[in-house]
PDB file of N, CA and C in Angstrom:
ATOM      1  N   MET A   1      65.460  96.280 -61.425  1.00  0.00           N
ATOM      2  CA  MET A   1      65.438  97.293 -62.299  1.00  0.00           C
ATOM      3  C   MET A   1      64.318  97.581 -63.155  1.00  0.00           C
ATOM      4  N   ARG A   2      63.550  96.444 -63.522  1.00  0.00           N
ATOM      5  CA  ARG A   2      62.338  96.417 -64.193  1.00  0.00           C
ATOM      6  C   ARG A   2      61.363  97.167 -63.417  1.00  0.00           C
ATOM      7  N   ALA A   3      61.146  96.843 -62.163  1.00  0.00           N
ATOM      8  CA  ALA A   3      60.257  97.431 -61.225  1.00  0.00           C
ATOM      9  C   ALA A   3      60.270  98.870 -61.060  1.00  0.00           C
ATOM     10  N   LEU A   4      61.639  99.309 -60.922  1.00  0.00           N
ATOM     11  CA  LEU A   4      62.070 100.740 -60.806  1.00  0.00           C
ATOM     12  C   LEU A   4      61.637 101.454 -62.048  1.00  0.00           C
ATOM     13  N   LEU A   5      61.940 100.810 -63.237  1.00  0.00           N
ATOM     14  CA  LEU A   5      61.560 101.727 -64.545  1.00  0.00           C
ATOM     15  C   LEU A   5      60.106 101.893 -64.531  1.00  0.00           C
ATOM     16  N   GLU A   6      59.330 100.607 -64.176  1.00  0.00           N
ATOM     17  CA  GLU A   6      57.862 100.722 -64.316  1.00  0.00           C
ATOM     18  C   GLU A   6      57.443 101.800 -63.422  1.00  0.00           C
ATOM     19  N   GLU A   7      58.017 101.938 -62.264  1.00  0.00           N
ATOM     20  CA  GLU A   7      57.620 102.996 -61.334  1.00  0.00           C
ATOM     21  C   GLU A   7      57.737 104.338 -61.769  1.00  0.00           C
ATOM     22  N   TRP A   8      58.697 104.422 -62.680  1.00  0.00           N
ATOM     23  CA  TRP A   8      59.098 105.703 -63.126  1.00  0.00           C
ATOM     24  C   TRP A   8      58.137 106.055 -64.372  1.00  0.00           C
ATOM     25  N   GLY A   9      57.379 105.132 -64.654  1.00  0.00           N
ATOM     26  CA  GLY A   9      56.522 105.414 -65.793  1.00  0.00           C
ATOM     27  C   GLY A   9      56.992 104.715 -67.287  1.00  0.00           C
ATOM     28  N   VAL A  10      58.118 103.935 -67.277  1.00  0.00           N
ATOM     29  CA  VAL A  10      58.395 103.406 -68.580  1.00  0.00           C
ATOM     30  C   VAL A  10      57.375 102.278 -68.783  1.00  0.00           C
ATOM     31  N   PRO A  11      56.802 102.265 -70.007  1.00  0.00           N
ATOM     32  CA  PRO A  11      55.917 100.957 -70.063  1.00  0.00           C
ATOM     33  C   PRO A  11      56.639  99.701 -70.202  1.00  0.00           C
ATOM     34  N   GLU A  12      56.063  98.732 -69.596  1.00  0.00           N
ATOM     35  CA  GLU A  12      56.413  97.302 -69.610  1.00  0.00           C
ATOM     36  C   GLU A  12      56.837  96.928 -70.986  1.00  0.00           C
ATOM     37  N   SER A  13      56.155  97.148 -71.912  1.00  0.00           N
ATOM     38  CA  SER A  13      56.711  96.813 -73.207  1.00  0.00           C
ATOM     39  C   SER A  13      57.920  97.422 -73.868  1.00  0.00           C
ATOM     40  N   SER A  14      58.379  98.466 -73.169  1.00  0.00           N
ATOM     41  CA  SER A  14      59.549  99.173 -73.643  1.00  0.00           C
ATOM     42  C   SER A  14      60.844  98.544 -72.962  1.00  0.00           C
ATOM     43  N   ILE A  15      60.619  97.783 -71.959  1.00  0.00           N
ATOM     44  CA  ILE A  15      61.575  97.319 -71.182  1.00  0.00           C
ATOM     45  C   ILE A  15      62.039  95.945 -71.628  1.00  0.00           C
ATOM     46  N   ILE A  16      63.313  95.753 -71.972  1.00  0.00           N
ATOM     47  CA  ILE A  16      63.843  94.480 -72.298  1.00  0.00           C
ATOM     48  C   ILE A  16      65.120  94.255 -71.621  1.00  0.00           C
ATOM     49  N   THR A  17      65.280  93.184 -70.781  1.00  0.00           N
ATOM     50  CA  THR A  17      66.264  92.857 -69.906  1.00  0.00           C
ATOM     51  C   THR A  17      67.011  91.675 -70.271  1.00  0.00           C
ATOM     52  N   GLU A  18      68.342  91.646 -69.942  1.00  0.00           N
ATOM     53  CA  GLU A  18      69.290  90.532 -70.027  1.00  0.00           C
ATOM     54  C   GLU A  18      69.677  90.077 -68.816  1.00  0.00           C
ATOM     55  N   GLY A  19      69.280  88.860 -68.296  1.00  0.00           N
ATOM     56  CA  GLY A  19      69.537  88.375 -67.068  1.00  0.00           C
ATOM     57  C   GLY A  19      70.523  87.170 -66.772  1.00  0.00           C
ATOM     58  N   ALA A  20      71.105  86.764 -67.830  1.00  0.00           N
ATOM     59  CA  ALA A  20      71.866  85.529 -67.738  1.00  0.00           C
ATOM     60  C   ALA A  20      73.315  85.786 -67.667  1.00  0.00           C
ATOM     61  N   SER A  21      73.799  86.951 -67.702  1.00  0.00           N
ATOM     62  CA  SER A  21      75.169  87.083 -67.711  1.00  0.00           C
ATOM     63  C   SER A  21      75.677  87.027 -66.284  1.00  0.00           C
ATOM     64  N   GLN A  22      77.043  86.919 -66.225  1.00  0.00           N
ATOM     65  CA  GLN A  22      77.618  86.683 -64.803  1.00  0.00           C
ATOM     66  C   GLN A  22      78.714  87.779 -64.572  1.00  0.00           C
ATOM     67  N   ASN A  23      79.117  88.536 -65.596  1.00  0.00           N
ATOM     68  CA  ASN A  23      80.008  89.406 -65.784  1.00  0.00           C
ATOM     69  C   ASN A  23      79.880  90.558 -66.797  1.00  0.00           C
ATOM     70  N   THR A  24      80.657  91.454 -66.903  1.00  0.00           N
ATOM     71  CA  THR A  24      80.519  92.333 -67.728  1.00  0.00           C
ATOM     72  C   THR A  24      80.621  92.048 -69.311  1.00  0.00           C
ATOM     73  N   ARG A  25      81.527  91.209 -69.539  1.00  0.00           N
ATOM     74  CA  ARG A  25      81.858  90.632 -71.069  1.00  0.00           C
ATOM     75  C   ARG A  25      80.561  89.942 -71.291  1.00  0.00           C
ATOM     76  N   GLU A  26      79.981  88.949 -70.558  1.00  0.00           N
ATOM     77  CA  GLU A  26      78.898  88.220 -70.925  1.00  0.00           C
ATOM     78  C   GLU A  26      77.679  89.107 -71.001  1.00  0.00           C
ATOM     79  N   ASN A  27      77.480  90.118 -70.111  1.00  0.00           N
ATOM     80  CA  ASN A  27      76.545  91.134 -70.363  1.00  0.00           C
ATOM     81  C   ASN A  27      76.554  91.684 -71.584  1.00  0.00           C
ATOM     82  N   ALA A  28      77.663  92.141 -72.041  1.00  0.00           N
ATOM     83  CA  ALA A  28      77.886  92.770 -73.492  1.00  0.00           C
ATOM     84  C   ALA A  28      77.370  91.801 -74.673  1.00  0.00           C
ATOM     85  N   ILE A  29      78.063  90.486 -74.422  1.00  0.00           N
ATOM     86  CA  ILE A  29      77.712  89.497 -75.560  1.00  0.00           C
ATOM     87  C   ILE A  29      76.144  89.134 -75.565  1.00  0.00           C
ATOM     88  N   PHE A  30      75.731  88.879 -74.508  1.00  0.00           N
ATOM     89  CA  PHE A  30      74.254  88.586 -74.447  1.00  0.00           C
ATOM     90  C   PHE A  30      73.216  89.749 -74.763  1.00  0.00           C
ATOM     91  N   THR A  31      73.735  91.033 -74.492  1.00  0.00           N
ATOM     92  CA  THR A  31      72.922  91.948 -74.813  1.00  0.00           C
ATOM     93  C   THR A  31      72.860  92.284 -76.130  1.00  0.00           C
ATOM     94  N   LYS A  32      74.197  92.094 -77.063  1.00  0.00           N
ATOM     95  CA  LYS A  32      74.201  92.009 -78.441  1.00  0.00           C
ATOM     96  C   LYS A  32      73.232  91.089 -79.049  1.00  0.00           C
ATOM     97  N   GLN A  33      73.058  89.869 -78.509  1.00  0.00           N
ATOM     98  CA  GLN A  33      72.183  88.968 -78.903  1.00  0.00           C
ATOM     99  C   GLN A  33      70.764  89.513 -78.779  1.00  0.00           C
ATOM    100  N   VAL A  34      70.373  89.955 -77.674  1.00  0.00           N
ATOM    101  CA  VAL A  34      69.092  90.539 -77.390  1.00  0.00           C
ATOM    102  C   VAL A  34      68.796  91.529 -78.465  1.00  0.00           C
ATOM    103  N   MET A  35      69.528  92.480 -78.656  1.00  0.00           N
ATOM    104  CA  MET A  35      69.560  93.644 -79.478  1.00  0.00           C
ATOM    105  C   MET A  35      69.344  93.147 -81.061  1.00  0.00           C
ATOM    106  N   VAL A  36      70.046  92.167 -81.392  1.00  0.00           N
ATOM    107  CA  VAL A  36      69.879  91.528 -82.730  1.00  0.00           C
ATOM    108  C   VAL A  36      68.436  90.811 -82.988  1.00  0.00           C
ATOM    109  N   ARG A  37      68.196  90.213 -81.806  1.00  0.00           N
ATOM    110  CA  ARG A  37      66.609  89.546 -81.835  1.00  0.00           C
ATOM    111  C   ARG A  37      65.584  90.480 -81.963  1.00  0.00           C
ATOM    112  N   ASN A  38      65.610  91.807 -81.424  1.00  0.00           N
ATOM    113  CA  ASN A  38      64.762  92.734 -81.285  1.00  0.00           C
ATOM    114  C   ASN A  38      64.881  93.906 -82.244  1.00  0.00           C
ATOM    115  N   ARG A  39      66.098  93.704 -83.070  1.00  0.00           N
ATOM    116  CA  ARG A  39      66.172  94.609 -84.097  1.00  0.00           C
ATOM    117  C   ARG A  39      66.553  96.070 -83.455  1.00  0.00           C
ATOM    118  N   LEU A  40      67.239  96.059 -82.530  1.00  0.00           N
ATOM    119  CA  LEU A  40      67.805  97.347 -81.975  1.00  0.00           C
ATOM    120  C   LEU A  40      69.083  97.814 -82.273  1.00  0.00           C
ATOM    121  N   ASN A  41      69.388  99.107 -82.337  1.00  0.00           N
ATOM    122  CA  ASN A  41      70.786  99.403 -82.643  1.00  0.00           C
ATOM    123  C   ASN A  41      71.404 100.362 -81.755  1.00  0.00           C
ATOM    124  N   HIS A  42      70.785 100.763 -80.827  1.00  0.00           N
ATOM    125  CA  HIS A  42      71.219 101.677 -79.553  1.00  0.00           C
ATOM    126  C   HIS A  42      70.702 101.173 -78.522  1.00  0.00           C
ATOM    127  N   ILE A  43      71.450 101.410 -77.189  1.00  0.00           N
ATOM    128  CA  ILE A  43      71.247 101.115 -75.813  1.00  0.00           C
ATOM    129  C   ILE A  43      71.595 102.394 -74.993  1.00  0.00           C
ATOM    130  N   LEU A  44      70.878 102.275 -73.921  1.00  0.00           N
ATOM    131  CA  LEU A  44      71.693 103.336 -72.813  1.00  0.00           C
ATOM    132  C   LEU A  44      72.072 102.409 -71.718  1.00  0.00           C
ATOM    133  N   LEU A  45      73.413 102.461 -71.523  1.00  0.00           N
ATOM    134  CA  LEU A  45      74.291 101.800 -70.731  1.00  0.00           C
ATOM    135  C   LEU A  45      74.339 102.279 -69.311  1.00  0.00           C
ATOM    136  N   VAL A  46      73.620 101.611 -68.470  1.00  0.00           N
ATOM    137  CA  VAL A  46      73.540 102.270 -67.072  1.00  0.00           C
ATOM    138  C   VAL A  46      74.262 101.476 -66.008  1.00  0.00           C
ATOM    139  N   THR A  47      75.274 101.850 -65.407  1.00  0.00           N
ATOM    140  CA  THR A  47      76.075 101.463 -64.442  1.00  0.00           C
ATOM    141  C   THR A  47      76.756 102.238 -63.577  1.00  0.00           C
ATOM    142  N   SER A  48      77.436 101.864 -62.606  1.00  0.00           N
ATOM    143  CA  SER A  48      78.117 102.912 -61.729  1.00  0.00           C
ATOM    144  C   SER A  48      79.092 103.586 -62.371  1.00  0.00           C
ATOM    145  N   ALA A  49      79.374 104.918 -61.903  1.00  0.00           N
ATOM    146  CA  ALA A  49      80.392 105.812 -62.839  1.00  0.00           C
ATOM    147  C   ALA A  49      81.802 105.098 -62.559  1.00  0.00           C
ATOM    148  N   LEU A  50      82.016 104.432 -61.450  1.00  0.00           N
ATOM    149  CA  LEU A  50      83.337 103.764 -61.395  1.00  0.00           C
ATOM    150  C   LEU A  50      83.596 102.639 -62.367  1.00  0.00           C
ATOM    151  N   HIS A  51      82.460 101.924 -62.705  1.00  0.00           N
ATOM    152  CA  HIS A  51      82.765 100.788 -63.503  1.00  0.00           C
ATOM    153  C   HIS A  51      82.306 101.072 -65.114  1.00  0.00           C
ATOM    154  N   MET A  52      81.857 102.386 -65.384  1.00  0.00           N
ATOM    155  CA  MET A  52      81.500 102.812 -66.681  1.00  0.00           C
ATOM    156  C   MET A  52      82.672 102.819 -67.674  1.00  0.00           C
ATOM    157  N   PRO A  53      83.909 103.359 -67.439  1.00  0.00           N
ATOM    158  CA  PRO A  53      84.971 103.129 -68.392  1.00  0.00           C
ATOM    159  C   PRO A  53      85.160 101.775 -68.968  1.00  0.00           C
ATOM    160  N   ARG A  54      85.121 100.664 -68.159  1.00  0.00           N
ATOM    161  CA  ARG A  54      85.339  99.300 -68.590  1.00  0.00           C
ATOM    162  C   ARG A  54      84.076  98.682 -69.223  1.00  0.00           C
ATOM    163  N   ALA A  55      82.797  99.190 -68.624  1.00  0.00           N
ATOM    164  CA  ALA A  55      81.546  98.611 -69.212  1.00  0.00           C
ATOM    165  C   ALA A  55      81.528  99.154 -70.798  1.00  0.00           C
ATOM    166  N   LEU A  56      81.570 100.460 -70.718  1.00  0.00           N
ATOM    167  CA  LEU A  56      81.394 101.212 -72.055  1.00  0.00           C
ATOM    168  C   LEU A  56      82.415 100.640 -73.033  1.00  0.00           C
ATOM    169  N   ALA A  57      83.735 100.367 -72.782  1.00  0.00           N
ATOM    170  CA  ALA A  57      84.651  99.936 -73.588  1.00  0.00           C
ATOM    171  C   ALA A  57      84.330  98.464 -73.977  1.00  0.00           C
ATOM    172  N   THR A  58      83.810  97.755 -73.127  1.00  0.00           N
ATOM    173  CA  THR A  58      83.320  96.148 -73.380  1.00  0.00           C
ATOM    174  C   THR A  58      82.262  96.345 -74.409  1.00  0.00           C
ATOM    175  N   PHE A  59      81.311  97.031 -74.162  1.00  0.00           N
ATOM    176  CA  PHE A  59      80.043  96.972 -74.887  1.00  0.00           C
ATOM    177  C   PHE A  59      80.447  97.577 -76.295  1.00  0.00           C
ATOM    178  N   ARG A  60      81.178  98.672 -76.423  1.00  0.00           N
ATOM    179  CA  ARG A  60      81.600  99.214 -77.726  1.00  0.00           C
ATOM    180  C   ARG A  60      82.297  98.142 -78.604  1.00  0.00           C
ATOM    181  N   SER A  61      83.427  97.465 -77.741  1.00  0.00           N
ATOM    182  CA  SER A  61      84.023  96.490 -78.439  1.00  0.00           C
ATOM    183  C   SER A  61      83.318  95.238 -79.019  1.00  0.00           C
ATOM    184  N   ALA A  62      82.085  94.993 -78.351  1.00  0.00           N
ATOM    185  CA  ALA A  62      81.373  93.972 -78.783  1.00  0.00           C
ATOM    186  C   ALA A  62      80.207  94.431 -79.890  1.00  0.00           C
ATOM    187  N   GLY A  63      80.508  95.626 -80.347  1.00  0.00           N
ATOM    188  CA  GLY A  63      79.810  96.153 -81.542  1.00  0.00           C
ATOM    189  C   GLY A  63      78.531  96.819 -81.073  1.00  0.00           C
ATOM    190  N   ILE A  64      78.433  97.224 -79.840  1.00  0.00           N
ATOM    191  CA  ILE A  64      77.052  97.850 -79.280  1.00  0.00           C
ATOM    192  C   ILE A  64      77.177  99.392 -79.372  1.00  0.00           C
ATOM    193  N   ASN A  65      76.291 100.028 -79.867  1.00  0.00           N
ATOM    194  CA  ASN A  65      76.083 101.491 -79.767  1.00  0.00           C
ATOM    195  C   ASN A  65      75.635 101.927 -78.589  1.00  0.00           C
ATOM    196  N   ALA A  66      76.280 102.280 -77.693  1.00  0.00           N
ATOM    197  CA  ALA A  66      75.868 102.593 -76.245  1.00  0.00           C
ATOM    198  C   ALA A  66      76.076 103.975 -75.816  1.00  0.00           C
ATOM    199  N   THR A  67      74.932 104.610 -75.353  1.00  0.00           N
ATOM    200  CA  THR A  67      75.329 106.068 -74.760  1.00  0.00           C
ATOM    201  C   THR A  67      75.300 105.825 -73.129  1.00  0.00           C
ATOM    202  N   PRO A  68      76.522 106.172 -72.544  1.00  0.00           N
ATOM    203  CA  PRO A  68      76.724 106.062 -71.024  1.00  0.00           C
ATOM    204  C   PRO A  68      75.765 106.599 -70.334  1.00  0.00           C
ATOM    205  N   ALA A  69      75.343 106.229 -69.185  1.00  0.00           N
ATOM    206  CA  ALA A  69      74.377 106.833 -68.087  1.00  0.00           C
ATOM    207  C   ALA A  69      74.840 106.435 -66.676  1.00  0.00           C
ATOM    208  N   PRO A  70      75.866 107.027 -66.486  1.00  0.00           N
ATOM    209  CA  PRO A  70      76.536 106.534 -65.131  1.00  0.00           C
ATOM    210  C   PRO A  70      75.739 106.943 -63.941  1.00  0.00           C
ATOM    211  N   THR A  71      76.010 106.196 -63.052  1.00  0.00           N
ATOM    212  CA  THR A  71      75.178 106.239 -61.684  1.00  0.00           C
ATOM    213  C   THR A  71      76.083 106.108 -60.417  1.00  0.00           C
ATOM    214  N   ASP A  72      75.530 106.326 -59.419  1.00  0.00           N
ATOM    215  CA  ASP A  72      76.347 105.864 -57.995  1.00  0.00           C
ATOM    216  C   ASP A  72      77.612 106.516 -57.902  1.00  0.00           C
ATOM    217  N   PHE A  73      77.773 107.934 -58.233  1.00  0.00           N
ATOM    218  CA  PHE A  73      78.901 108.603 -58.149  1.00  0.00           C
ATOM    219  C   PHE A  73      79.344 108.538 -56.530  1.00  0.00           C
ATOM    220  N   THR A  74      80.719 108.333 -56.498  1.00  0.00           N
ATOM    221  CA  THR A  74      81.060 108.397 -54.879  1.00  0.00           C
ATOM    222  C   THR A  74      81.986 109.641 -54.639  1.00  0.00           C
ATOM    223  N   VAL A  75      82.203 110.452 -55.543  1.00  0.00           N
ATOM    224  CA  VAL A  75      83.048 111.692 -55.328  1.00  0.00           C
ATOM    225  C   VAL A  75      82.167 112.699 -54.803  1.00  0.00           C
ATOM    226  N   THR A  76      82.629 113.232 -53.737  1.00  0.00           N
ATOM    227  CA  THR A  76      81.915 114.496 -53.037  1.00  0.00           C
ATOM    228  C   THR A  76      82.994 115.415 -52.776  1.00  0.00           C
ATOM    229  N   TYR A  77      82.470 116.872 -52.823  1.00  0.00           N
ATOM    230  CA  TYR A  77      83.197 117.931 -52.484  1.00  0.00           C
ATOM    231  C   TYR A  77      82.890 118.541 -51.167  1.00  0.00           C
ATOM    232  N   LYS A  78      83.716 118.984 -50.567  1.00  0.00           N
ATOM    233  CA  LYS A  78      83.395 119.550 -49.169  1.00  0.00           C
ATOM    234  C   LYS A  78      83.853 121.026 -49.220  1.00  0.00           C
ATOM    235  N   ASP A  79      83.259 121.948 -48.399  1.00  0.00           N
ATOM    236  CA  ASP A  79      83.650 123.295 -48.370  1.00  0.00           C
ATOM    237  C   ASP A  79      85.015 123.346 -47.447  1.00  0.00           C
ATOM    238  N   HIS A  80      85.100 122.374 -46.454  1.00  0.00           N
ATOM    239  CA  HIS A  80      86.347 122.422 -45.697  1.00  0.00           C
ATOM    240  C   HIS A  80      86.791 121.023 -45.417  1.00  0.00           C
ATOM    241  N   SER A  81      88.088 121.049 -44.985  1.00  0.00           N
ATOM    242  CA  SER A  81      88.626 119.756 -44.550  1.00  0.00           C
ATOM    243  C   SER A  81      88.957 119.700 -43.140  1.00  0.00           C
ATOM    244  N   SER A  82      88.993 118.565 -42.557  1.00  0.00           N
ATOM    245  CA  SER A  82      89.363 118.475 -41.233  1.00  0.00           C
ATOM    246  C   SER A  82      90.554 117.538 -41.183  1.00  0.00           C
ATOM    247  N   ILE A  83      91.354 117.338 -40.042  1.00  0.00           N
ATOM    248  CA  ILE A  83      92.332 116.431 -39.814  1.00  0.00           C
ATOM    249  C   ILE A  83      91.767 114.915 -40.030  1.00  0.00           C
ATOM    250  N   MET A  84      90.411 114.679 -39.794  1.00  0.00           N
ATOM    251  CA  MET A  84      89.984 113.446 -39.846  1.00  0.00           C
ATOM    252  C   MET A  84      90.046 112.897 -41.349  1.00  0.00           C
ATOM    253  N   ASP A  85      89.929 113.937 -42.388  1.00  0.00           N
ATOM    254  CA  ASP A  85      89.927 113.542 -43.752  1.00  0.00           C
ATOM    255  C   ASP A  85      91.370 112.895 -44.288  1.00  0.00           C
ATOM    256  N   PHE A  86      92.366 113.042 -43.445  1.00  0.00           N
ATOM    257  CA  PHE A  86      93.569 112.644 -43.742  1.00  0.00           C
ATOM    258  C   PHE A  86      94.111 111.286 -43.168  1.00  0.00           C
ATOM    259  N   LEU A  87      93.239 110.766 -42.260  1.00  0.00           N
ATOM    260  CA  LEU A  87      93.523 109.417 -41.468  1.00  0.00           C
ATOM    261  C   LEU A  87      92.916 108.279 -42.238  1.00  0.00           C
ATOM    262  N   PRO A  88      93.540 107.212 -42.151  1.00  0.00           N
ATOM    263  CA  PRO A  88      92.894 106.090 -42.886  1.00  0.00           C
ATOM    264  C   PRO A  88      91.626 105.706 -42.250  1.00  0.00           C
ATOM    265  N   SER A  89      90.782 105.368 -43.126  1.00  0.00           N
ATOM    266  CA  SER A  89      89.440 104.819 -42.656  1.00  0.00           C
ATOM    267  C   SER A  89      88.997 103.648 -43.595  1.00  0.00           C
ATOM    268  N   ALA A  90      87.916 102.730 -42.934  1.00  0.00           N
ATOM    269  CA  ALA A  90      87.536 101.692 -43.719  1.00  0.00           C
ATOM    270  C   ALA A  90      86.850 102.098 -45.112  1.00  0.00           C
ATOM    271  N   SER A  91      86.197 103.147 -45.045  1.00  0.00           N
ATOM    272  CA  SER A  91      85.369 103.529 -46.302  1.00  0.00           C
ATOM    273  C   SER A  91      86.350 103.999 -47.429  1.00  0.00           C
ATOM    274  N   SER A  92      87.621 104.787 -46.990  1.00  0.00           N
ATOM    275  CA  SER A  92      88.412 104.976 -47.874  1.00  0.00           C
ATOM    276  C   SER A  92      89.342 103.762 -48.431  1.00  0.00           C
ATOM    277  N   LEU A  93      89.496 102.701 -47.687  1.00  0.00           N
ATOM    278  CA  LEU A  93      90.172 101.411 -48.123  1.00  0.00           C
ATOM    279  C   LEU A  93      89.076 100.888 -49.078  1.00  0.00           C
ATOM    280  N   SER A  94      87.859 100.676 -48.710  1.00  0.00           N
ATOM    281  CA  SER A  94      86.834 100.187 -49.574  1.00  0.00           C
ATOM    282  C   SER A  94      86.900 100.835 -50.985  1.00  0.00           C
ATOM    283  N   HIS A  95      86.802 102.229 -51.107  1.00  0.00           N
ATOM    284  CA  HIS A  95      86.939 102.979 -52.243  1.00  0.00           C
ATOM    285  C   HIS A  95      88.241 102.738 -53.072  1.00  0.00           C
ATOM    286  N   THR A  96      89.265 102.527 -52.483  1.00  0.00           N
ATOM    287  CA  THR A  96      90.737 102.249 -52.987  1.00  0.00           C
ATOM    288  C   THR A  96      90.585 101.027 -53.528  1.00  0.00           C
ATOM    289  N   THR A  97      90.040  99.961 -52.822  1.00  0.00           N
ATOM    290  CA  THR A  97      89.867  98.659 -53.382  1.00  0.00           C
ATOM    291  C   THR A  97      89.047  98.489 -54.696  1.00  0.00           C
ATOM    292  N   ASP A  98      87.942  99.159 -54.574  1.00  0.00           N
ATOM    293  CA  ASP A  98      87.056  99.345 -55.732  1.00  0.00           C
ATOM    294  C   ASP A  98      87.608  99.870 -57.011  1.00  0.00           C
ATOM    295  N   ALA A  99      88.465 101.049 -56.714  1.00  0.00           N
ATOM    296  CA  ALA A  99      89.324 101.626 -57.945  1.00  0.00           C
ATOM    297  C   ALA A  99      90.242 100.663 -58.517  1.00  0.00           C
ATOM    298  N   ILE A 100      91.174 100.121 -57.610  1.00  0.00           N
ATOM    299  CA  ILE A 100      92.133  99.040 -58.114  1.00  0.00           C
ATOM    300  C   ILE A 100      91.577  97.882 -58.831  1.00  0.00           C
ATOM    301  N   ASN A 101      90.200  97.562 -58.298  1.00  0.00           N
ATOM    302  CA  ASN A 101      89.613  96.318 -59.053  1.00  0.00           C
ATOM    303  C   ASN A 101      89.372  96.678 -60.356  1.00  0.00           C
ATOM    304  N   GLU A 102      88.875  97.946 -60.526  1.00  0.00           N
ATOM    305  CA  GLU A 102      88.219  98.414 -62.040  1.00  0.00           C
ATOM    306  C   GLU A 102      89.644  98.527 -62.777  1.00  0.00           C
ATOM    307  N   TYR A 103      90.612  99.112 -62.338  1.00  0.00           N
ATOM    308  CA  TYR A 103      91.920  99.286 -63.090  1.00  0.00           C
ATOM    309  C   TYR A 103      92.389  97.896 -63.580  1.00  0.00           C
ATOM    310  N   ILE A 104      92.457  97.173 -62.591  1.00  0.00           N
ATOM    311  CA  ILE A 104      93.002  95.586 -62.925  1.00  0.00           C
ATOM    312  C   ILE A 104      91.997  94.953 -63.924  1.00  0.00           C
ATOM    313  N   GLY A 105      90.770  94.993 -63.775  1.00  0.00           N
ATOM    314  CA  GLY A 105      89.572  94.514 -64.638  1.00  0.00           C
ATOM    315  C   GLY A 105      89.868  95.148 -66.021  1.00  0.00           C
ATOM    316  N   TYR A 106      89.977  96.408 -66.180  1.00  0.00           N
ATOM    317  CA  TYR A 106      90.167  97.208 -67.532  1.00  0.00           C
ATOM    318  C   TYR A 106      91.412  96.323 -68.050  1.00  0.00           C
ATOM    319  N   PHE A 107      92.557  96.390 -67.487  1.00  0.00           N
ATOM    320  CA  PHE A 107      93.701  95.905 -68.057  1.00  0.00           C
ATOM    321  C   PHE A 107      93.578  94.397 -68.375  1.00  0.00           C
ATOM    322  N   TYR A 108      92.824  93.631 -67.436  1.00  0.00           N
ATOM    323  CA  TYR A 108      92.636  92.190 -67.933  1.00  0.00           C
ATOM    324  C   TYR A 108      91.723  92.075 -69.110  1.00  0.00           C
ATOM    325  N   TYR A 109      90.714  92.975 -69.232  1.00  0.00           N
ATOM    326  CA  TYR A 109      89.780  92.815 -70.324  1.00  0.00           C
ATOM    327  C   TYR A 109      90.527  93.160 -71.697  1.00  0.00           C
ATOM    328  N   TRP A 110      91.526  94.122 -71.507  1.00  0.00           N
ATOM    329  CA  TRP A 110      92.229  94.476 -72.744  1.00  0.00           C
ATOM    330  C   TRP A 110      93.220  93.434 -73.167  1.00  0.00           C
ATOM    331  N   ARG A 111      93.855  92.723 -72.205  1.00  0.00           N
ATOM    332  CA  ARG A 111      94.911  91.708 -72.368  1.00  0.00           C
ATOM    333  C   ARG A 111      94.309  90.477 -72.991  1.00  0.00           C
ATOM    334  N   MET A 112      92.899  90.149 -72.610  1.00  0.00           N
ATOM    335  CA  MET A 112      92.129  89.108 -73.149  1.00  0.00           C
ATOM    336  C   MET A 112      91.518  89.501 -74.511  1.00  0.00           C
ATOM    337  N   GLY A 113      91.739  90.651 -74.848  1.00  0.00           N
ATOM    338  CA  GLY A 113      91.038  91.079 -76.286  1.00  0.00           C
ATOM    339  C   GLY A 113      89.581  91.639 -76.213  1.00  0.00           C
ATOM    340  N   TRP A 114      89.082  91.762 -75.087  1.00  0.00           N
ATOM    341  CA  TRP A 114      87.718  91.957 -75.003  1.00  0.00           C
ATOM    342  C   TRP A 114      87.367  93.506 -74.964  1.00  0.00           C
ATOM    343  N   ILE A 115      88.548  94.197 -74.848  1.00  0.00           N
ATOM    344  CA  ILE A 115      88.443  95.651 -75.012  1.00  0.00           C
ATOM    345  C   ILE A 115      89.547  95.981 -75.917  1.00  0.00           C
ATOM    346  N   LYS A 116      89.283  96.862 -77.120  1.00  0.00           N
ATOM    347  CA  LYS A 116      90.157  97.098 -78.277  1.00  0.00           C
ATOM    348  C   LYS A 116      91.470  97.856 -77.890  1.00  0.00           C
ATOM    349  N   ALA A 117      91.202  98.701 -76.840  1.00  0.00           N
ATOM    350  CA  ALA A 117      92.398  99.704 -76.730  1.00  0.00           C
ATOM    351  C   ALA A 117      92.440 100.012 -75.222  1.00  0.00           C
ATOM    352  N   ILE A 118      93.602 100.262 -74.731  1.00  0.00           N
ATOM    353  CA  ILE A 118      93.648 100.959 -73.230  1.00  0.00           C
ATOM    354  C   ILE A 118      93.678 102.422 -73.479  1.00  0.00           C
ATOM    355  N   ARG A 119      92.573 103.135 -73.107  1.00  0.00           N
ATOM    356  CA  ARG A 119      92.271 104.453 -73.277  1.00  0.00           C
ATOM    357  C   ARG A 119      91.045 104.736 -72.511  1.00  0.00           C
ATOM    358  N   LYS A 120      91.080 105.956 -71.914  1.00  0.00           N
ATOM    359  CA  LYS A 120      89.663 106.445 -71.201  1.00  0.00           C
ATOM    360  C   LYS A 120      88.743 106.632 -72.309  1.00  0.00           C
ATOM    361  N   GLU A 121      87.608 105.934 -72.011  1.00  0.00           N
ATOM    362  CA  GLU A 121      86.484 106.056 -72.959  1.00  0.00           C
ATOM    363  C   GLU A 121      85.543 107.408 -72.616  1.00  0.00           C
ATOM    364  N   ALA A 122      85.304 108.022 -73.568  1.00  0.00           N
ATOM    365  CA  ALA A 122      84.556 109.267 -73.293  1.00  0.00           C
ATOM    366  C   ALA A 122      83.232 108.968 -72.513  1.00  0.00           C
ATOM    367  N   THR A 123      82.833 109.596 -71.433  1.00  0.00           N
ATOM    368  CA  THR A 123      81.649 109.270 -70.749  1.00  0.00           C
ATOM    369  C   THR A 123      80.718 110.445 -70.960  1.00  0.00           C
TER     370      THR A 123
END
């Protein structure tokens, strides 16, 4: 990510990373520590659109003022449908698995107290 930001023209001195986390909760906790050390009060939260509700809720519950910047959208619109659109496929199963993982993850984070409320976060 650092290399990509630099390629886009973001000065190296403006890029602060957190590379120790292994999950979303740790990322929020460690990011808060980085923010305190660097006297920052706001971040741009970049993650996949599917993961954004849980990530944003986790970061905000950790006391982080974050603006969501979702990426990697998987929803597409077609001008027309074919019979193939209604048949099972490996890619559809994969998307379903990803969505179920996020719903279960959100619920788990809420049950553990890592997210303060079950509700859709504004993105």
